[in-house]
Amino acid sequence: MQGLVIKSTGSWYQVHAEDGVDYDCRIKGKFRIQGIQTTNPIAVGDLVEFELEPNSDNGVINKLNDRKNYIIRKSINLSKQAQIIAANMDQAFLVVTLASPRTSLGFIDRFLATAEAYSIPATLIFNKLDLFHEEGLTILDEYKSIYENIGYPCYSVSALEGTNMPEIEGLLKDKTTLFSGHSGVGKSSLINALLPGRSIKTGEISGASDKGQHTTTFAEMHTLPFGGYLIDTPGIRELGIFDIRPEELGHYFREMRDLMNMCRFNNCRHVNEPGCAVIKAVEEGEIELSRYESYLSIYHGNETRA
């Protein structure tokens, strides 16, 4: 039988089969994806083939079909391994907040670079608009302008008050969308607003650290009532870049990619080389300094924490 992986719980996967039934399945043997060792060889969004075990309603996955794309991050404790967050999506939404907790620009840039590397269109959703005063709205506009100027769509919403939620529904309709972000950014509240009656657990913000508490333990795919699928993922505290070589990194920063052929040297790293068009653009304000700093941080292998 064939089916779609709609939930991952570590060693077991829930597969929605062609007959409309959801089966709990495990993996047969070990899978390896393009030579990359991953902690989870099967991910939510994967299309798989499986067979039922004798005298059981449980299945065994024996084949992973080709993926359209996937998004991956370095495992926190295993530097040589990676975790596939999800597969076969049409777009990825990063839910961000400017406070309680604050999403750093470095974290945003790492997510966008990863999405670029795997050819996944990305959108930024600025949540908790109901908490913003005049000064906060000014900072929000500054954040949004950084990313809108290089072609990333940005939207401001309040899951609590429902502000601009119909606009988000329009973006999600009939598409498979990954939702990601730090714990505490209101991702679960957003999803509850989009899935009335589903009541996904939401969490409180830790007063000591201003960090969100994890409420989603495993990735899960939900069917949207207006058409399409939404992939909910556990809150990410840090995002390690995986499988992107330093010499390739500039290709995944849109504003740098447009200038790379104008550098004096073909193998320019855009770090300290003379005649570098990227460095010149930073100095002249054509490339945002925060974006360039994120590039250098990733290039030199620094792991940014929120």
C-alpha atoms as a PDB file:
ATOM      1  CA  MET A   1       0.000   0.000   0.000  1.00  0.00           C
ATOM      2  CA  GLN A   2       1.005   3.635  -0.483  1.00  0.00           C
ATOM      3  CA  GLY A   3       0.442   6.504   1.866  1.00  0.00           C
ATOM      4  CA  LEU A   4       1.442   9.912   3.186  1.00  0.00           C
ATOM      5  CA  VAL A   5       3.368  10.250   6.455  1.00  0.00           C
ATOM      6  CA  ILE A   6       1.275  12.632   8.570  1.00  0.00           C
ATOM      7  CA  LYS A   7       2.921  12.226  11.965  1.00  0.00           C
ATOM      8  CA  SER A   8       6.321  11.235  13.318  1.00  0.00           C
ATOM      9  CA  THR A   9       6.756  10.054  16.899  1.00  0.00           C
ATOM     10  CA  GLY A  10      10.354   8.948  16.784  1.00  0.00           C
ATOM     11  CA  SER A  11      10.372   5.215  16.028  1.00  0.00           C
ATOM     12  CA  TRP A  12       6.770   5.133  14.740  1.00  0.00           C
ATOM     13  CA  TYR A  13       5.130   6.945  11.851  1.00  0.00           C
ATOM     14  CA  GLN A  14       1.442   7.528  11.204  1.00  0.00           C
ATOM     15  CA  VAL A  15       0.688   6.951   7.524  1.00  0.00           C
ATOM     16  CA  HIS A  16      -2.516   8.090   5.821  1.00  0.00           C
ATOM     17  CA  ALA A  17      -3.135   5.391   3.229  1.00  0.00           C
ATOM     18  CA  GLU A  18      -4.965   5.465  -0.081  1.00  0.00           C
ATOM     19  CA  ASP A  19      -7.906   3.647   1.527  1.00  0.00           C
ATOM     20  CA  GLY A  20      -8.418   6.638   3.856  1.00  0.00           C
ATOM     21  CA  VAL A  21      -7.227   4.776   6.972  1.00  0.00           C
ATOM     22  CA  ASP A  22      -4.345   5.932   9.187  1.00  0.00           C
ATOM     23  CA  TYR A  23      -1.845   3.185  10.025  1.00  0.00           C
ATOM     24  CA  ASP A  24       0.920   3.154  12.628  1.00  0.00           C
ATOM     25  CA  CYS A  25       4.068   2.039  10.844  1.00  0.00           C
ATOM     26  CA  ARG A  26       7.685   1.372  11.655  1.00  0.00           C
ATOM     27  CA  ILE A  27      10.728   1.327   9.388  1.00  0.00           C
ATOM     28  CA  LYS A  28      12.077  -1.789   7.722  1.00  0.00           C
ATOM     29  CA  GLY A  29      15.853  -1.836   8.062  1.00  0.00           C
ATOM     30  CA  LYS A  30      17.809   1.389   7.707  1.00  0.00           C
ATOM     31  CA  PHE A  31      17.216   4.140   5.194  1.00  0.00           C
ATOM     32  CA  ARG A  32      19.946   6.419   3.894  1.00  0.00           C
ATOM     33  CA  ILE A  33      19.059   9.579   1.996  1.00  0.00           C
ATOM     34  CA  GLN A  34      21.635  10.652  -0.616  1.00  0.00           C
ATOM     35  CA  GLY A  35      24.440   9.494   1.642  1.00  0.00           C
ATOM     36  CA  ILE A  36      23.346  11.810   4.470  1.00  0.00           C
ATOM     37  CA  GLN A  37      23.011  10.221   7.878  1.00  0.00           C
ATOM     38  CA  THR A  38      19.853  11.477   9.520  1.00  0.00           C
ATOM     39  CA  THR A  39      18.316  10.818  12.906  1.00  0.00           C
ATOM     40  CA  ASN A  40      14.943  10.407  11.169  1.00  0.00           C
ATOM     41  CA  PRO A  41      15.195   8.847   7.702  1.00  0.00           C
ATOM     42  CA  ILE A  42      11.428   9.216   7.251  1.00  0.00           C
ATOM     43  CA  ALA A  43       9.766  12.600   7.784  1.00  0.00           C
ATOM     44  CA  VAL A  44       6.296  14.096   7.812  1.00  0.00           C
ATOM     45  CA  GLY A  45       5.276  14.798   4.230  1.00  0.00           C
ATOM     46  CA  ASP A  46       7.033  11.751   2.805  1.00  0.00           C
ATOM     47  CA  LEU A  47       5.216   9.429   0.389  1.00  0.00           C
ATOM     48  CA  VAL A  48       5.967   5.835   1.289  1.00  0.00           C
ATOM     49  CA  GLU A  49       5.039   2.266   0.489  1.00  0.00           C
ATOM     50  CA  PHE A  50       4.255  -0.127   3.324  1.00  0.00           C
ATOM     51  CA  GLU A  51       2.748  -3.489   4.068  1.00  0.00           C
ATOM     52  CA  LEU A  52       0.725  -4.688   7.046  1.00  0.00           C
ATOM     53  CA  GLU A  53       2.365  -7.055   9.486  1.00  0.00           C
ATOM     54  CA  PRO A  54       0.734 -10.496   9.786  1.00  0.00           C
ATOM     55  CA  ASN A  55      -2.258 -10.491  12.141  1.00  0.00           C
ATOM     56  CA  SER A  56      -1.765  -6.820  12.935  1.00  0.00           C
ATOM     57  CA  ASP A  57      -3.118  -3.401  12.035  1.00  0.00           C
ATOM     58  CA  ASN A  58       0.420  -2.005  12.129  1.00  0.00           C
ATOM     59  CA  GLY A  59       2.518  -1.564   9.013  1.00  0.00           C
ATOM     60  CA  VAL A  60       6.160  -1.764   7.962  1.00  0.00           C
ATOM     61  CA  ILE A  61       7.528   0.936   5.647  1.00  0.00           C
ATOM     62  CA  ASN A  62       9.672  -0.674   2.980  1.00  0.00           C
ATOM     63  CA  LYS A  63      10.094   2.101   0.421  1.00  0.00           C
ATOM     64  CA  LEU A  64      10.490   5.873   0.452  1.00  0.00           C
ATOM     65  CA  ASN A  65       9.361   7.544  -2.775  1.00  0.00           C
ATOM     66  CA  ASP A  66      11.400  10.337  -4.344  1.00  0.00           C
ATOM     67  CA  ARG A  67      11.085  13.672  -2.578  1.00  0.00           C
ATOM     68  CA  LYS A  68      10.260  16.955  -4.276  1.00  0.00           C
ATOM     69  CA  ASN A  69      12.233  18.704  -1.549  1.00  0.00           C
ATOM     70  CA  TYR A  70      12.935  18.612   2.161  1.00  0.00           C
ATOM     71  CA  ILE A  71      14.249  20.933   4.827  1.00  0.00           C
ATOM     72  CA  ILE A  72      16.998  19.792   7.157  1.00  0.00           C
ATOM     73  CA  ARG A  73      18.977  20.998  10.152  1.00  0.00           C
ATOM     74  CA  LYS A  74      22.037  19.802  12.011  1.00  0.00           C
ATOM     75  CA  SER A  75      21.229  17.650  15.021  1.00  0.00           C
ATOM     76  CA  ILE A  76      21.896  19.570  18.233  1.00  0.00           C
ATOM     77  CA  ASN A  77      23.898  16.828  19.945  1.00  0.00           C
ATOM     78  CA  LEU A  78      25.214  14.921  16.927  1.00  0.00           C
ATOM     79  CA  SER A  79      27.241  17.278  14.751  1.00  0.00           C
ATOM     80  CA  LYS A  80      27.744  14.716  11.979  1.00  0.00           C
ATOM     81  CA  GLN A  81      24.083  13.874  11.739  1.00  0.00           C
ATOM     82  CA  ALA A  82      21.029  15.848  10.705  1.00  0.00           C
ATOM     83  CA  GLN A  83      17.306  15.942  11.325  1.00  0.00           C
ATOM     84  CA  ILE A  84      14.883  16.218   8.424  1.00  0.00           C
ATOM     85  CA  ILE A  85      12.187  18.627   9.587  1.00  0.00           C
ATOM     86  CA  ALA A  86       9.676  17.850   6.819  1.00  0.00           C
ATOM     87  CA  ALA A  87       9.442  16.862   3.154  1.00  0.00           C
ATOM     88  CA  ASN A  88       7.463  17.621  -0.008  1.00  0.00           C
ATOM     89  CA  MET A  89       6.189  21.072   0.903  1.00  0.00           C
ATOM     90  CA  ASP A  90       5.095  23.922  -1.355  1.00  0.00           C
ATOM     91  CA  GLN A  91       6.253  26.648   1.026  1.00  0.00           C
ATOM     92  CA  ALA A  92       7.639  27.318   4.501  1.00  0.00           C
ATOM     93  CA  PHE A  93       6.382  29.886   7.006  1.00  0.00           C
ATOM     94  CA  LEU A  94       8.692  31.062   9.776  1.00  0.00           C
ATOM     95  CA  VAL A  95       6.696  32.490  12.680  1.00  0.00           C
ATOM     96  CA  VAL A  96       8.738  35.204  14.413  1.00  0.00           C
ATOM     97  CA  THR A  97       8.256  37.637  17.296  1.00  0.00           C
ATOM     98  CA  LEU A  98      10.158  40.757  18.311  1.00  0.00           C
ATOM     99  CA  ALA A  99       9.659  40.092  22.033  1.00  0.00           C
ATOM    100  CA  SER A 100       8.454  37.373  24.414  1.00  0.00           C
ATOM    101  CA  PRO A 101      10.518  35.670  23.017  1.00  0.00           C
ATOM    102  CA  ARG A 102      12.639  37.665  20.579  1.00  0.00           C
ATOM    103  CA  THR A 103      13.542  35.994  17.302  1.00  0.00           C
ATOM    104  CA  SER A 104      17.053  37.055  16.328  1.00  0.00           C
ATOM    105  CA  LEU A 105      17.859  38.223  12.823  1.00  0.00           C
ATOM    106  CA  GLY A 106      20.574  35.575  12.738  1.00  0.00           C
ATOM    107  CA  PHE A 107      18.035  32.822  13.320  1.00  0.00           C
ATOM    108  CA  ILE A 108      15.776  34.216  10.595  1.00  0.00           C
ATOM    109  CA  ASP A 109      18.692  34.352   8.160  1.00  0.00           C
ATOM    110  CA  ARG A 110      19.709  30.768   8.905  1.00  0.00           C
ATOM    111  CA  PHE A 111      16.182  29.558   8.245  1.00  0.00           C
ATOM    112  CA  LEU A 112      15.953  31.513   4.981  1.00  0.00           C
ATOM    113  CA  ALA A 113      19.342  30.258   3.783  1.00  0.00           C
ATOM    114  CA  THR A 114      18.289  26.665   4.498  1.00  0.00           C
ATOM    115  CA  ALA A 115      15.006  27.181   2.626  1.00  0.00           C
ATOM    116  CA  GLU A 116      16.920  28.662  -0.336  1.00  0.00           C
ATOM    117  CA  ALA A 117      19.317  25.705  -0.359  1.00  0.00           C
ATOM    118  CA  TYR A 118      16.432  23.252  -0.716  1.00  0.00           C
ATOM    119  CA  SER A 119      14.373  25.413  -3.135  1.00  0.00           C
ATOM    120  CA  ILE A 120      11.494  26.040  -0.732  1.00  0.00           C
ATOM    121  CA  PRO A 121       9.715  29.418  -0.990  1.00  0.00           C
ATOM    122  CA  ALA A 122       9.783  31.081   2.445  1.00  0.00           C
ATOM    123  CA  THR A 123       7.522  33.643   4.122  1.00  0.00           C
ATOM    124  CA  LEU A 124       7.925  35.469   7.442  1.00  0.00           C
ATOM    125  CA  ILE A 125       4.905  35.733   9.746  1.00  0.00           C
ATOM    126  CA  PHE A 126       5.348  38.361  12.481  1.00  0.00           C
ATOM    127  CA  ASN A 127       3.011  37.322  15.290  1.00  0.00           C
ATOM    128  CA  LYS A 128       1.747  38.972  18.506  1.00  0.00           C
ATOM    129  CA  LEU A 129       0.785  42.237  16.793  1.00  0.00           C
ATOM    130  CA  ASP A 130      -1.566  42.853  19.722  1.00  0.00           C
ATOM    131  CA  LEU A 131       1.470  43.450  22.011  1.00  0.00           C
ATOM    132  CA  PHE A 132       2.976  46.210  19.868  1.00  0.00           C
ATOM    133  CA  HIS A 133       3.038  49.870  20.871  1.00  0.00           C
ATOM    134  CA  GLU A 134       4.169  52.696  18.607  1.00  0.00           C
ATOM    135  CA  GLU A 135       7.884  52.066  19.153  1.00  0.00           C
ATOM    136  CA  GLY A 136       7.430  48.356  18.530  1.00  0.00           C
ATOM    137  CA  LEU A 137       5.570  48.998  15.292  1.00  0.00           C
ATOM    138  CA  THR A 138       8.493  51.129  14.089  1.00  0.00           C
ATOM    139  CA  ILE A 139      10.935  48.302  14.812  1.00  0.00           C
ATOM    140  CA  LEU A 140       8.572  45.849  13.114  1.00  0.00           C
ATOM    141  CA  ASP A 141       8.576  47.982   9.975  1.00  0.00           C
ATOM    142  CA  GLU A 142      12.387  48.022  10.051  1.00  0.00           C
ATOM    143  CA  TYR A 143      12.550  44.236  10.354  1.00  0.00           C
ATOM    144  CA  LYS A 144      10.040  43.736   7.571  1.00  0.00           C
ATOM    145  CA  SER A 145      11.823  46.138   5.239  1.00  0.00           C
ATOM    146  CA  ILE A 146      15.062  44.144   5.531  1.00  0.00           C
ATOM    147  CA  TYR A 147      13.369  41.071   4.099  1.00  0.00           C
ATOM    148  CA  GLU A 148      10.789  42.608   1.794  1.00  0.00           C
ATOM    149  CA  ASN A 149      13.591  44.496   0.044  1.00  0.00           C
ATOM    150  CA  ILE A 150      15.197  41.187  -0.946  1.00  0.00           C
ATOM    151  CA  GLY A 151      11.943  39.546  -1.988  1.00  0.00           C
ATOM    152  CA  TYR A 152      10.656  37.686   1.068  1.00  0.00           C
ATOM    153  CA  PRO A 153       6.936  38.185   1.780  1.00  0.00           C
ATOM    154  CA  CYS A 154       6.265  39.426   5.324  1.00  0.00           C
ATOM    155  CA  TYR A 155       2.939  39.501   7.161  1.00  0.00           C
ATOM    156  CA  SER A 156       1.941  40.882  10.560  1.00  0.00           C
ATOM    157  CA  VAL A 157      -0.736  39.014  12.509  1.00  0.00           C
ATOM    158  CA  SER A 158      -2.237  38.508  15.923  1.00  0.00           C
ATOM    159  CA  ALA A 159      -3.339  34.953  16.554  1.00  0.00           C
ATOM    160  CA  LEU A 160      -4.926  36.112  19.803  1.00  0.00           C
ATOM    161  CA  GLU A 161      -7.144  38.753  18.204  1.00  0.00           C
ATOM    162  CA  GLY A 162      -7.431  37.245  14.724  1.00  0.00           C
ATOM    163  CA  THR A 163      -5.789  40.241  13.046  1.00  0.00           C
ATOM    164  CA  ASN A 164      -4.995  39.587   9.351  1.00  0.00           C
ATOM    165  CA  MET A 165      -5.726  35.862   9.697  1.00  0.00           C
ATOM    166  CA  PRO A 166      -7.971  35.732   6.572  1.00  0.00           C
ATOM    167  CA  GLU A 167      -4.940  36.905   4.585  1.00  0.00           C
ATOM    168  CA  ILE A 168      -2.888  33.997   5.946  1.00  0.00           C
ATOM    169  CA  GLU A 169      -5.668  31.551   5.075  1.00  0.00           C
ATOM    170  CA  GLY A 170      -5.483  32.751   1.485  1.00  0.00           C
ATOM    171  CA  LEU A 171      -1.745  32.025   1.379  1.00  0.00           C
ATOM    172  CA  LEU A 172      -2.261  28.501   2.742  1.00  0.00           C
ATOM    173  CA  LYS A 173      -5.204  27.450   0.584  1.00  0.00           C
ATOM    174  CA  ASP A 174      -4.557  24.280  -1.438  1.00  0.00           C
ATOM    175  CA  LYS A 175      -0.837  24.197  -0.536  1.00  0.00           C
ATOM    176  CA  THR A 176       1.325  22.110   1.784  1.00  0.00           C
ATOM    177  CA  THR A 177       2.974  24.536   4.201  1.00  0.00           C
ATOM    178  CA  LEU A 178       5.597  24.034   6.873  1.00  0.00           C
ATOM    179  CA  PHE A 179       5.149  26.119  10.041  1.00  0.00           C
ATOM    180  CA  SER A 180       8.333  26.630  12.040  1.00  0.00           C
ATOM    181  CA  GLY A 181       9.738  28.981  14.669  1.00  0.00           C
ATOM    182  CA  HIS A 182      11.038  29.273  18.214  1.00  0.00           C
ATOM    183  CA  SER A 183       9.017  27.854  21.084  1.00  0.00           C
ATOM    184  CA  GLY A 184       6.722  30.565  22.424  1.00  0.00           C
ATOM    185  CA  VAL A 185       6.229  32.595  19.239  1.00  0.00           C
ATOM    186  CA  GLY A 186       2.550  31.635  19.171  1.00  0.00           C
ATOM    187  CA  LYS A 187       2.799  29.022  16.448  1.00  0.00           C
ATOM    188  CA  SER A 188       0.295  26.724  18.159  1.00  0.00           C
ATOM    189  CA  SER A 189      -2.102  29.633  18.726  1.00  0.00           C
ATOM    190  CA  LEU A 190      -1.863  30.498  15.033  1.00  0.00           C
ATOM    191  CA  ILE A 191      -2.596  26.916  14.058  1.00  0.00           C
ATOM    192  CA  ASN A 192      -5.558  26.765  16.456  1.00  0.00           C
ATOM    193  CA  ALA A 193      -6.967  29.875  14.754  1.00  0.00           C
ATOM    194  CA  LEU A 194      -6.617  28.128  11.380  1.00  0.00           C
ATOM    195  CA  LEU A 195      -7.995  24.801  12.640  1.00  0.00           C
ATOM    196  CA  PRO A 196     -11.050  25.574  14.760  1.00  0.00           C
ATOM    197  CA  GLY A 197     -11.959  22.772  17.120  1.00  0.00           C
ATOM    198  CA  ARG A 198      -8.554  21.068  16.917  1.00  0.00           C
ATOM    199  CA  SER A 199      -7.221  22.648  20.169  1.00  0.00           C
ATOM    200  CA  ILE A 200      -3.484  22.157  19.772  1.00  0.00           C
ATOM    201  CA  LYS A 201      -1.757  22.657  23.119  1.00  0.00           C
ATOM    202  CA  THR A 202      -0.223  26.076  23.692  1.00  0.00           C
ATOM    203  CA  GLY A 203       2.462  26.956  26.211  1.00  0.00           C
ATOM    204  CA  GLU A 204       3.538  29.735  28.536  1.00  0.00           C
ATOM    205  CA  ILE A 205       6.661  31.859  28.287  1.00  0.00           C
ATOM    206  CA  SER A 206       9.310  31.230  30.922  1.00  0.00           C
ATOM    207  CA  GLY A 207       9.728  34.403  32.950  1.00  0.00           C
ATOM    208  CA  ALA A 208      13.343  33.617  33.813  1.00  0.00           C
ATOM    209  CA  SER A 209      14.610  33.093  30.276  1.00  0.00           C
ATOM    210  CA  ASP A 210      11.894  34.692  28.123  1.00  0.00           C
ATOM    211  CA  LYS A 211      11.917  31.444  26.163  1.00  0.00           C
ATOM    212  CA  GLY A 212       8.870  29.511  25.108  1.00  0.00           C
ATOM    213  CA  GLN A 213       8.171  26.079  26.504  1.00  0.00           C
ATOM    214  CA  HIS A 214       7.982  23.271  23.947  1.00  0.00           C
ATOM    215  CA  THR A 215       4.358  22.337  23.264  1.00  0.00           C
ATOM    216  CA  THR A 216       4.718  20.372  20.015  1.00  0.00           C
ATOM    217  CA  THR A 217       6.814  17.248  20.639  1.00  0.00           C
ATOM    218  CA  PHE A 218       6.709  15.693  17.166  1.00  0.00           C
ATOM    219  CA  ALA A 219       6.032  16.936  13.653  1.00  0.00           C
ATOM    220  CA  GLU A 220       2.462  16.469  12.462  1.00  0.00           C
ATOM    221  CA  MET A 221       0.496  17.258   9.306  1.00  0.00           C
ATOM    222  CA  HIS A 222      -3.019  18.720   9.590  1.00  0.00           C
ATOM    223  CA  THR A 223      -5.674  18.995   6.885  1.00  0.00           C
ATOM    224  CA  LEU A 224      -6.872  22.589   6.495  1.00  0.00           C
ATOM    225  CA  PRO A 225     -10.656  23.072   6.306  1.00  0.00           C
ATOM    226  CA  PHE A 226     -10.304  25.453   3.348  1.00  0.00           C
ATOM    227  CA  GLY A 227      -7.942  23.180   1.388  1.00  0.00           C
ATOM    228  CA  GLY A 228      -4.297  22.255   1.783  1.00  0.00           C
ATOM    229  CA  TYR A 229      -2.078  20.845   4.501  1.00  0.00           C
ATOM    230  CA  LEU A 230      -0.208  22.432   7.379  1.00  0.00           C
ATOM    231  CA  ILE A 231       2.880  20.790   8.868  1.00  0.00           C
ATOM    232  CA  ASP A 232       3.355  21.708  12.523  1.00  0.00           C
ATOM    233  CA  THR A 233       6.884  21.224  13.879  1.00  0.00           C
ATOM    234  CA  PRO A 234       8.445  21.326  17.340  1.00  0.00           C
ATOM    235  CA  GLY A 235       9.765  24.721  18.397  1.00  0.00           C
ATOM    236  CA  ILE A 236      13.380  25.202  17.340  1.00  0.00           C
ATOM    237  CA  ARG A 237      15.774  26.777  19.824  1.00  0.00           C
ATOM    238  CA  GLU A 238      18.763  26.763  17.478  1.00  0.00           C
ATOM    239  CA  LEU A 239      19.143  26.031  13.792  1.00  0.00           C
ATOM    240  CA  GLY A 240      22.378  24.399  12.717  1.00  0.00           C
ATOM    241  CA  ILE A 241      23.158  24.663   9.006  1.00  0.00           C
ATOM    242  CA  PHE A 242      23.833  21.248   7.485  1.00  0.00           C
ATOM    243  CA  ASP A 243      25.170  20.086   4.124  1.00  0.00           C
ATOM    244  CA  ILE A 244      25.928  23.596   2.779  1.00  0.00           C
ATOM    245  CA  ARG A 245      29.570  24.061   1.826  1.00  0.00           C
ATOM    246  CA  PRO A 246      31.133  27.450   2.701  1.00  0.00           C
ATOM    247  CA  GLU A 247      31.899  28.185  -0.955  1.00  0.00           C
ATOM    248  CA  GLU A 248      28.205  27.667  -1.815  1.00  0.00           C
ATOM    249  CA  LEU A 249      26.778  29.789   0.984  1.00  0.00           C
ATOM    250  CA  GLY A 250      26.616  33.074  -0.918  1.00  0.00           C
ATOM    251  CA  HIS A 251      24.246  31.489  -3.429  1.00  0.00           C
ATOM    252  CA  TYR A 252      21.641  31.163  -0.659  1.00  0.00           C
ATOM    253  CA  PHE A 253      21.676  34.853   0.265  1.00  0.00           C
ATOM    254  CA  ARG A 254      19.585  36.387  -2.504  1.00  0.00           C
ATOM    255  CA  GLU A 255      21.135  39.851  -2.450  1.00  0.00           C
ATOM    256  CA  MET A 256      24.643  38.390  -2.566  1.00  0.00           C
ATOM    257  CA  ARG A 257      23.848  35.925  -5.318  1.00  0.00           C
ATOM    258  CA  ASP A 258      23.066  38.805  -7.675  1.00  0.00           C
ATOM    259  CA  LEU A 259      26.540  40.314  -7.154  1.00  0.00           C
ATOM    260  CA  MET A 260      28.826  37.292  -7.026  1.00  0.00           C
ATOM    261  CA  ASN A 261      29.834  37.421 -10.695  1.00  0.00           C
ATOM    262  CA  MET A 262      31.009  41.009 -10.203  1.00  0.00           C
ATOM    263  CA  CYS A 263      33.770  40.132  -7.705  1.00  0.00           C
ATOM    264  CA  ARG A 264      37.384  40.451  -8.856  1.00  0.00           C
ATOM    265  CA  PHE A 265      38.158  36.817  -8.045  1.00  0.00           C
ATOM    266  CA  ASN A 266      36.102  33.852  -9.210  1.00  0.00           C
ATOM    267  CA  ASN A 267      36.642  32.069  -5.887  1.00  0.00           C
ATOM    268  CA  CYS A 268      35.850  35.109  -3.736  1.00  0.00           C
ATOM    269  CA  ARG A 269      34.665  34.158  -0.237  1.00  0.00           C
ATOM    270  CA  HIS A 270      33.194  37.626   0.398  1.00  0.00           C
ATOM    271  CA  VAL A 271      35.118  37.790   3.684  1.00  0.00           C
ATOM    272  CA  ASN A 272      38.135  40.079   3.203  1.00  0.00           C
ATOM    273  CA  GLU A 273      39.120  39.825  -0.462  1.00  0.00           C
ATOM    274  CA  PRO A 274      39.996  42.972  -2.450  1.00  0.00           C
ATOM    275  CA  GLY A 275      37.568  43.825  -5.211  1.00  0.00           C
ATOM    276  CA  CYS A 276      34.672  41.982  -3.569  1.00  0.00           C
ATOM    277  CA  ALA A 277      31.360  43.295  -4.897  1.00  0.00           C
ATOM    278  CA  VAL A 278      29.488  41.942  -1.856  1.00  0.00           C
ATOM    279  CA  ILE A 279      31.688  43.762   0.680  1.00  0.00           C
ATOM    280  CA  LYS A 280      31.395  46.944  -1.386  1.00  0.00           C
ATOM    281  CA  ALA A 281      27.595  46.621  -1.381  1.00  0.00           C
ATOM    282  CA  VAL A 282      27.631  46.218   2.417  1.00  0.00           C
ATOM    283  CA  GLU A 283      29.819  49.307   2.825  1.00  0.00           C
ATOM    284  CA  GLU A 284      27.493  51.321   0.576  1.00  0.00           C
ATOM    285  CA  GLY A 285      24.361  50.153   2.402  1.00  0.00           C
ATOM    286  CA  GLU A 286      22.993  48.137  -0.503  1.00  0.00           C
ATOM    287  CA  ILE A 287      23.231  44.936   1.554  1.00  0.00           C
ATOM    288  CA  GLU A 288      21.952  45.049   5.123  1.00  0.00           C
ATOM    289  CA  LEU A 289      24.770  44.733   7.657  1.00  0.00           C
ATOM    290  CA  SER A 290      22.807  42.230   9.756  1.00  0.00           C
ATOM    291  CA  ARG A 291      22.446  39.952   6.743  1.00  0.00           C
ATOM    292  CA  TYR A 292      26.174  40.100   6.015  1.00  0.00           C
ATOM    293  CA  GLU A 293      26.975  39.378   9.666  1.00  0.00           C
ATOM    294  CA  SER A 294      24.718  36.318   9.480  1.00  0.00           C
ATOM    295  CA  TYR A 295      26.570  35.203   6.362  1.00  0.00           C
ATOM    296  CA  LEU A 296      29.937  35.500   8.149  1.00  0.00           C
ATOM    297  CA  SER A 297      28.602  33.663  11.213  1.00  0.00           C
ATOM    298  CA  ILE A 298      27.405  30.731   9.126  1.00  0.00           C
ATOM    299  CA  TYR A 299      30.538  30.781   6.954  1.00  0.00           C
ATOM    300  CA  HIS A 300      32.815  30.493   9.975  1.00  0.00           C
ATOM    301  CA  GLY A 301      30.692  27.741  11.473  1.00  0.00           C
ATOM    302  CA  ASN A 302      29.235  29.584  14.441  1.00  0.00           C
ATOM    303  CA  GLU A 303      26.058  28.068  15.863  1.00  0.00           C
ATOM    304  CA  THR A 304      23.653  30.902  16.638  1.00  0.00           C
ATOM    305  CA  ARG A 305      21.448  30.420  19.665  1.00  0.00           C
ATOM    306  CA  ALA A 306      18.250  32.382  20.137  1.00  0.00           C
END
